[in-house]
């Protein structure tokens, strides 16, 4: 049986009034993304910026932009 590989997960909290930029900045500071500017542009370009939900999210360190966007917007 292979050893359990623990995925590194980072917790991000979104509070009321957060903009997509402030969330992207927090994610950059947490080491989830390389560039808050690029991720914010992605969120805005895909329409996710309007759907970011308040809450605390566990985001895998290796998640793609799309996966992270879906997590913070509770999109299936």
PDB file of N, CA and C in Angstrom:
ATOM      1  N   UNK A   1       0.865  -1.191   0.000  1.00  0.00           N
ATOM      2  CA  UNK A   1       0.000   0.000   0.000  1.00  0.00           C
ATOM      3  C   UNK A   1       0.902   1.241   0.000  1.00  0.00           C
ATOM      4  N   UNK A   2       0.722   2.091  -1.013  1.00  0.00           N
ATOM      5  CA  UNK A   2       1.578   3.288  -1.070  1.00  0.00           C
ATOM      6  C   UNK A   2       1.303   4.216   0.109  1.00  0.00           C
ATOM      7  N   UNK A   3       2.319   4.928   0.516  1.00  0.00           N
ATOM      8  CA  UNK A   3       2.154   5.890   1.617  1.00  0.00           C
ATOM      9  C   UNK A   3       1.143   6.959   1.205  1.00  0.00           C
ATOM     10  N   UNK A   4       0.352   7.384   2.162  1.00  0.00           N
ATOM     11  CA  UNK A   4      -0.616   8.444   1.868  1.00  0.00           C
ATOM     12  C   UNK A   4       0.141   9.730   1.544  1.00  0.00           C
ATOM     13  N   UNK A   5      -0.159  10.266   0.384  1.00  0.00           N
ATOM     14  CA  UNK A   5       0.480  11.524  -0.006  1.00  0.00           C
ATOM     15  C   UNK A   5      -0.440  12.650   0.444  1.00  0.00           C
ATOM     16  N   UNK A   6       0.070  13.460   1.335  1.00  0.00           N
ATOM     17  CA  UNK A   6      -0.736  14.577   1.826  1.00  0.00           C
ATOM     18  C   UNK A   6      -0.621  15.724   0.841  1.00  0.00           C
ATOM     19  N   UNK A   7      -1.763  16.146   0.338  1.00  0.00           N
ATOM     20  CA  UNK A   7      -1.786  17.320  -0.521  1.00  0.00           C
ATOM     21  C   UNK A   7      -1.688  18.535   0.382  1.00  0.00           C
ATOM     22  N   UNK A   8      -0.862  19.475  -0.001  1.00  0.00           N
ATOM     23  CA  UNK A   8      -0.813  20.698   0.773  1.00  0.00           C
ATOM     24  C   UNK A   8      -2.066  21.495   0.454  1.00  0.00           C
ATOM     25  N   UNK A   9      -2.748  21.903   1.519  1.00  0.00           N
ATOM     26  CA  UNK A   9      -3.982  22.664   1.362  1.00  0.00           C
ATOM     27  C   UNK A   9      -3.817  23.982   2.093  1.00  0.00           C
ATOM     28  N   UNK A  10      -4.279  25.050   1.467  1.00  0.00           N
ATOM     29  CA  UNK A  10      -4.186  26.374   2.070  1.00  0.00           C
ATOM     30  C   UNK A  10      -5.596  26.886   2.329  1.00  0.00           C
ATOM     31  N   UNK A  11      -5.812  27.402   3.527  1.00  0.00           N
ATOM     32  CA  UNK A  11      -7.112  27.967   3.884  1.00  0.00           C
ATOM     33  C   UNK A  11      -7.154  29.447   3.530  1.00  0.00           C
ATOM     34  N   UNK A  12      -8.192  29.846   2.815  1.00  0.00           N
ATOM     35  CA  UNK A  12      -8.392  31.250   2.442  1.00  0.00           C
ATOM     36  C   UNK A  12      -9.765  31.666   2.948  1.00  0.00           C
ATOM     37  N   UNK A  13      -9.834  32.802   3.618  1.00  0.00           N
ATOM     38  CA  UNK A  13     -11.124  33.309   4.091  1.00  0.00           C
ATOM     39  C   UNK A  13     -11.521  34.529   3.278  1.00  0.00           C
ATOM     40  N   UNK A  14     -12.746  34.498   2.776  1.00  0.00           N
ATOM     41  CA  UNK A  14     -13.319  35.617   2.030  1.00  0.00           C
ATOM     42  C   UNK A  14     -14.352  36.268   2.939  1.00  0.00           C
ATOM     43  N   UNK A  15     -14.229  37.563   3.139  1.00  0.00           N
ATOM     44  CA  UNK A  15     -15.178  38.271   3.998  1.00  0.00           C
ATOM     45  C   UNK A  15     -16.039  39.207   3.159  1.00  0.00           C
ATOM     46  N   UNK A  16     -17.180  39.602   3.714  1.00  0.00           N
ATOM     47  CA  UNK A  16     -18.080  40.512   3.019  1.00  0.00           C
ATOM     48  C   UNK A  16     -17.347  41.781   2.626  1.00  0.00           C
ATOM     49  N   UNK A  17     -17.557  42.227   1.397  1.00  0.00           N
ATOM     50  CA  UNK A  17     -16.906  43.442   0.938  1.00  0.00           C
ATOM     51  C   UNK A  17     -15.576  43.202   0.250  1.00  0.00           C
ATOM     52  N   UNK A  18     -15.076  41.959   0.292  1.00  0.00           N
ATOM     53  CA  UNK A  18     -13.837  41.650  -0.431  1.00  0.00           C
ATOM     54  C   UNK A  18     -14.066  41.819  -1.933  1.00  0.00           C
ATOM     55  N   UNK A  19     -13.112  42.431  -2.595  1.00  0.00           N
ATOM     56  CA  UNK A  19     -13.146  42.479  -4.059  1.00  0.00           C
ATOM     57  C   UNK A  19     -12.382  41.269  -4.579  1.00  0.00           C
ATOM     58  N   UNK A  20     -12.528  40.987  -5.870  1.00  0.00           N
ATOM     59  CA  UNK A  20     -11.753  39.881  -6.443  1.00  0.00           C
ATOM     60  C   UNK A  20     -10.263  40.177  -6.291  1.00  0.00           C
ATOM     61  N   UNK A  21      -9.891  41.455  -6.375  1.00  0.00           N
ATOM     62  CA  UNK A  21      -8.484  41.830  -6.225  1.00  0.00           C
ATOM     63  C   UNK A  21      -7.979  41.503  -4.822  1.00  0.00           C
ATOM     64  N   UNK A  22      -8.753  41.840  -3.785  1.00  0.00           N
ATOM     65  CA  UNK A  22      -8.279  41.574  -2.418  1.00  0.00           C
ATOM     66  C   UNK A  22      -8.186  40.074  -2.156  1.00  0.00           C
ATOM     67  N   UNK A  23      -9.089  39.304  -2.733  1.00  0.00           N
ATOM     68  CA  UNK A  23      -9.025  37.841  -2.588  1.00  0.00           C
ATOM     69  C   UNK A  23      -7.797  37.305  -3.332  1.00  0.00           C
ATOM     70  N   UNK A  24      -7.562  37.803  -4.543  1.00  0.00           N
ATOM     71  CA  UNK A  24      -6.406  37.372  -5.326  1.00  0.00           C
ATOM     72  C   UNK A  24      -5.109  37.723  -4.588  1.00  0.00           C
ATOM     73  N   UNK A  25      -5.068  38.905  -3.980  1.00  0.00           N
ATOM     74  CA  UNK A  25      -3.898  39.349  -3.229  1.00  0.00           C
ATOM     75  C   UNK A  25      -3.637  38.395  -2.053  1.00  0.00           C
ATOM     76  N   UNK A  26      -4.699  38.039  -1.340  1.00  0.00           N
ATOM     77  CA  UNK A  26      -4.581  37.119  -0.206  1.00  0.00           C
ATOM     78  C   UNK A  26      -4.065  35.758  -0.676  1.00  0.00           C
ATOM     79  N   UNK A  27      -4.553  35.309  -1.831  1.00  0.00           N
ATOM     80  CA  UNK A  27      -4.131  34.017  -2.370  1.00  0.00           C
ATOM     81  C   UNK A  27      -2.665  34.064  -2.793  1.00  0.00           C
ATOM     82  N   UNK A  28      -2.233  35.202  -3.326  1.00  0.00           N
ATOM     83  CA  UNK A  28      -0.825  35.354  -3.697  1.00  0.00           C
ATOM     84  C   UNK A  28       0.049  35.317  -2.436  1.00  0.00           C
ATOM     85  N   UNK A  29      -0.371  36.046  -1.402  1.00  0.00           N
ATOM     86  CA  UNK A  29       0.389  36.068  -0.147  1.00  0.00           C
ATOM     87  C   UNK A  29       0.462  34.682   0.484  1.00  0.00           C
ATOM     88  N   UNK A  30      -0.582  33.872   0.275  1.00  0.00           N
ATOM     89  CA  UNK A  30      -0.616  32.516   0.835  1.00  0.00           C
ATOM     90  C   UNK A  30       0.209  31.539  -0.009  1.00  0.00           C
ATOM     91  N   UNK A  31       0.694  32.004  -1.164  1.00  0.00           N
ATOM     92  CA  UNK A  31       1.515  31.152  -2.016  1.00  0.00           C
ATOM     93  C   UNK A  31       0.731  30.263  -2.971  1.00  0.00           C
ATOM     94  N   UNK A  32      -0.565  30.515  -3.102  1.00  0.00           N
ATOM     95  CA  UNK A  32      -1.387  29.685  -3.990  1.00  0.00           C
ATOM     96  C   UNK A  32      -1.189  30.046  -5.458  1.00  0.00           C
ATOM     97  N   UNK A  33      -0.936  31.310  -5.710  1.00  0.00           N
ATOM     98  CA  UNK A  33      -0.793  31.784  -7.088  1.00  0.00           C
ATOM     99  C   UNK A  33       0.471  32.618  -7.203  1.00  0.00           C
ATOM    100  N   UNK A  34       0.971  32.699  -8.433  1.00  0.00           N
ATOM    101  CA  UNK A  34       2.188  33.476  -8.702  1.00  0.00           C
ATOM    102  C   UNK A  34       1.866  34.959  -8.733  1.00  0.00           C
ATOM    103  N   UNK A  35       0.732  35.313  -9.337  1.00  0.00           N
ATOM    104  CA  UNK A  35       0.440  36.715  -9.606  1.00  0.00           C
ATOM    105  C   UNK A  35      -1.017  37.042  -9.308  1.00  0.00           C
ATOM    106  N   UNK A  36      -1.238  37.901  -8.334  1.00  0.00           N
ATOM    107  CA  UNK A  36      -2.607  38.345  -8.022  1.00  0.00           C
ATOM    108  C   UNK A  36      -3.202  39.064  -9.230  1.00  0.00           C
ATOM    109  N   UNK A  37      -2.373  39.838  -9.936  1.00  0.00           N
ATOM    110  CA  UNK A  37      -2.868  40.579 -11.105  1.00  0.00           C
ATOM    111  C   UNK A  37      -3.396  39.621 -12.170  1.00  0.00           C
ATOM    112  N   UNK A  38      -2.630  38.561 -12.455  1.00  0.00           N
ATOM    113  CA  UNK A  38      -3.055  37.603 -13.478  1.00  0.00           C
ATOM    114  C   UNK A  38      -4.312  36.850 -13.049  1.00  0.00           C
ATOM    115  N   UNK A  39      -4.347  36.453 -11.784  1.00  0.00           N
ATOM    116  CA  UNK A  39      -5.499  35.682 -11.308  1.00  0.00           C
ATOM    117  C   UNK A  39      -6.749  36.564 -11.269  1.00  0.00           C
ATOM    118  N   UNK A  40      -6.599  37.817 -10.834  1.00  0.00           N
ATOM    119  CA  UNK A  40      -7.732  38.743 -10.820  1.00  0.00           C
ATOM    120  C   UNK A  40      -8.250  38.970 -12.246  1.00  0.00           C
ATOM    121  N   UNK A  41      -7.334  39.107 -13.200  1.00  0.00           N
ATOM    122  CA  UNK A  41      -7.730  39.280 -14.608  1.00  0.00           C
ATOM    123  C   UNK A  41      -8.497  38.048 -15.089  1.00  0.00           C
ATOM    124  N   UNK A  42      -8.040  36.865 -14.660  1.00  0.00           N
ATOM    125  CA  UNK A  42      -8.737  35.623 -15.018  1.00  0.00           C
ATOM    126  C   UNK A  42     -10.147  35.620 -14.421  1.00  0.00           C
ATOM    127  N   UNK A  43     -10.255  35.951 -13.129  1.00  0.00           N
ATOM    128  CA  UNK A  43     -11.567  35.966 -12.465  1.00  0.00           C
ATOM    129  C   UNK A  43     -12.519  36.916 -13.182  1.00  0.00           C
ATOM    130  N   UNK A  44     -12.031  38.112 -13.487  1.00  0.00           N
ATOM    131  CA  UNK A  44     -12.868  39.122 -14.149  1.00  0.00           C
ATOM    132  C   UNK A  44     -13.229  38.690 -15.566  1.00  0.00           C
ATOM    133  N   UNK A  45     -12.256  38.144 -16.277  1.00  0.00           N
ATOM    134  CA  UNK A  45     -12.478  37.723 -17.661  1.00  0.00           C
ATOM    135  C   UNK A  45     -13.488  36.595 -17.782  1.00  0.00           C
ATOM    136  N   UNK A  46     -13.553  35.750 -16.767  1.00  0.00           N
ATOM    137  CA  UNK A  46     -14.465  34.598 -16.795  1.00  0.00           C
ATOM    138  C   UNK A  46     -15.781  34.877 -16.064  1.00  0.00           C
ATOM    139  N   UNK A  47     -15.909  36.064 -15.492  1.00  0.00           N
ATOM    140  CA  UNK A  47     -17.138  36.412 -14.770  1.00  0.00           C
ATOM    141  C   UNK A  47     -17.201  35.884 -13.349  1.00  0.00           C
ATOM    142  N   UNK A  48     -16.118  35.275 -12.871  1.00  0.00           N
ATOM    143  CA  UNK A  48     -16.113  34.739 -11.507  1.00  0.00           C
ATOM    144  C   UNK A  48     -16.073  35.845 -10.453  1.00  0.00           C
ATOM    145  N   UNK A  49     -15.542  37.023 -10.835  1.00  0.00           N
ATOM    146  CA  UNK A  49     -15.371  38.099  -9.846  1.00  0.00           C
ATOM    147  C   UNK A  49     -16.688  38.520  -9.205  1.00  0.00           C
ATOM    148  N   UNK A  50     -17.799  38.374  -9.937  1.00  0.00           N
ATOM    149  CA  UNK A  50     -19.113  38.768  -9.415  1.00  0.00           C
ATOM    150  C   UNK A  50     -19.733  37.691  -8.533  1.00  0.00           C
ATOM    151  N   UNK A  51     -19.113  36.507  -8.505  1.00  0.00           N
ATOM    152  CA  UNK A  51     -19.746  35.374  -7.817  1.00  0.00           C
ATOM    153  C   UNK A  51     -18.948  34.859  -6.631  1.00  0.00           C
ATOM    154  N   UNK A  52     -17.909  35.586  -6.234  1.00  0.00           N
ATOM    155  CA  UNK A  52     -17.101  35.138  -5.096  1.00  0.00           C
ATOM    156  C   UNK A  52     -17.969  35.115  -3.848  1.00  0.00           C
ATOM    157  N   UNK A  53     -17.938  34.004  -3.121  1.00  0.00           N
ATOM    158  CA  UNK A  53     -18.789  33.820  -1.946  1.00  0.00           C
ATOM    159  C   UNK A  53     -17.992  33.967  -0.657  1.00  0.00           C
ATOM    160  N   UNK A  54     -18.654  34.567   0.337  1.00  0.00           N
ATOM    161  CA  UNK A  54     -18.054  34.697   1.665  1.00  0.00           C
ATOM    162  C   UNK A  54     -17.899  33.307   2.271  1.00  0.00           C
ATOM    163  N   UNK A  55     -16.778  33.081   2.931  1.00  0.00           N
ATOM    164  CA  UNK A  55     -16.557  31.790   3.584  1.00  0.00           C
ATOM    165  C   UNK A  55     -15.080  31.492   3.698  1.00  0.00           C
ATOM    166  N   UNK A  56     -14.780  30.357   4.321  1.00  0.00           N
ATOM    167  CA  UNK A  56     -13.398  29.896   4.422  1.00  0.00           C
ATOM    168  C   UNK A  56     -13.267  28.659   3.550  1.00  0.00           C
ATOM    169  N   UNK A  57     -12.263  28.664   2.698  1.00  0.00           N
ATOM    170  CA  UNK A  57     -12.090  27.609   1.710  1.00  0.00           C
ATOM    171  C   UNK A  57     -10.736  26.944   1.874  1.00  0.00           C
ATOM    172  N   UNK A  58     -10.717  25.617   1.741  1.00  0.00           N
ATOM    173  CA  UNK A  58      -9.465  24.864   1.721  1.00  0.00           C
ATOM    174  C   UNK A  58      -9.122  24.634   0.260  1.00  0.00           C
ATOM    175  N   UNK A  59      -8.035  25.236  -0.173  1.00  0.00           N
ATOM    176  CA  UNK A  59      -7.657  25.179  -1.582  1.00  0.00           C
ATOM    177  C   UNK A  59      -6.362  24.376  -1.735  1.00  0.00           C
ATOM    178  N   UNK A  60      -6.393  23.312  -2.553  1.00  0.00           N
ATOM    179  CA  UNK A  60      -5.163  22.536  -2.775  1.00  0.00           C
ATOM    180  C   UNK A  60      -4.086  23.419  -3.394  1.00  0.00           C
ATOM    181  N   UNK A  61      -2.861  23.257  -2.939  1.00  0.00           N
ATOM    182  CA  UNK A  61      -1.750  24.089  -3.406  1.00  0.00           C
ATOM    183  C   UNK A  61      -1.499  23.925  -4.906  1.00  0.00           C
ATOM    184  N   UNK A  62      -1.912  22.793  -5.469  1.00  0.00           N
ATOM    185  CA  UNK A  62      -1.646  22.556  -6.897  1.00  0.00           C
ATOM    186  C   UNK A  62      -2.885  22.788  -7.763  1.00  0.00           C
ATOM    187  N   UNK A  63      -3.902  23.461  -7.227  1.00  0.00           N
ATOM    188  CA  UNK A  63      -5.137  23.696  -7.986  1.00  0.00           C
ATOM    189  C   UNK A  63      -4.871  24.638  -9.163  1.00  0.00           C
ATOM    190  N   UNK A  64      -5.613  24.439 -10.236  1.00  0.00           N
ATOM    191  CA  UNK A  64      -5.527  25.334 -11.391  1.00  0.00           C
ATOM    192  C   UNK A  64      -6.322  26.608 -11.091  1.00  0.00           C
ATOM    193  N   UNK A  65      -6.139  27.629 -11.934  1.00  0.00           N
ATOM    194  CA  UNK A  65      -6.918  28.866 -11.779  1.00  0.00           C
ATOM    195  C   UNK A  65      -8.410  28.553 -11.778  1.00  0.00           C
ATOM    196  N   UNK A  66      -8.828  27.695 -12.718  1.00  0.00           N
ATOM    197  CA  UNK A  66     -10.242  27.356 -12.818  1.00  0.00           C
ATOM    198  C   UNK A  66     -10.732  26.655 -11.559  1.00  0.00           C
ATOM    199  N   UNK A  67      -9.951  25.702 -11.050  1.00  0.00           N
ATOM    200  CA  UNK A  67     -10.350  24.984  -9.834  1.00  0.00           C
ATOM    201  C   UNK A  67     -10.466  25.942  -8.653  1.00  0.00           C
ATOM    202  N   UNK A  68      -9.494  26.854  -8.519  1.00  0.00           N
ATOM    203  CA  UNK A  68      -9.545  27.817  -7.409  1.00  0.00           C
ATOM    204  C   UNK A  68     -10.746  28.740  -7.552  1.00  0.00           C
ATOM    205  N   UNK A  69     -11.004  29.189  -8.780  1.00  0.00           N
ATOM    206  CA  UNK A  69     -12.155  30.077  -9.027  1.00  0.00           C
ATOM    207  C   UNK A  69     -13.454  29.379  -8.658  1.00  0.00           C
ATOM    208  N   UNK A  70     -13.569  28.105  -9.031  1.00  0.00           N
ATOM    209  CA  UNK A  70     -14.784  27.344  -8.726  1.00  0.00           C
ATOM    210  C   UNK A  70     -14.944  27.152  -7.218  1.00  0.00           C
ATOM    211  N   UNK A  71     -13.835  26.968  -6.518  1.00  0.00           N
ATOM    212  CA  UNK A  71     -13.915  26.797  -5.060  1.00  0.00           C
ATOM    213  C   UNK A  71     -14.418  28.076  -4.398  1.00  0.00           C
ATOM    214  N   UNK A  72     -13.833  29.220  -4.747  1.00  0.00           N
ATOM    215  CA  UNK A  72     -14.212  30.459  -4.054  1.00  0.00           C
ATOM    216  C   UNK A  72     -15.552  31.023  -4.505  1.00  0.00           C
ATOM    217  N   UNK A  73     -16.100  30.487  -5.616  1.00  0.00           N
ATOM    218  CA  UNK A  73     -17.438  30.928  -6.047  1.00  0.00           C
ATOM    219  C   UNK A  73     -18.478  29.832  -5.794  1.00  0.00           C
ATOM    220  N   UNK A  74     -18.045  28.727  -5.197  1.00  0.00           N
ATOM    221  CA  UNK A  74     -18.944  27.585  -4.945  1.00  0.00           C
ATOM    222  C   UNK A  74     -19.625  27.123  -6.222  1.00  0.00           C
ATOM    223  N   UNK A  75     -18.878  27.139  -7.315  1.00  0.00           N
ATOM    224  CA  UNK A  75     -19.394  26.676  -8.613  1.00  0.00           C
ATOM    225  C   UNK A  75     -19.042  25.203  -8.751  1.00  0.00           C
ATOM    226  N   UNK A  76     -19.996  24.407  -9.190  1.00  0.00           N
ATOM    227  CA  UNK A  76     -19.727  22.974  -9.353  1.00  0.00           C
ATOM    228  C   UNK A  76     -19.064  22.729 -10.694  1.00  0.00           C
TER     229      UNK A  76
END
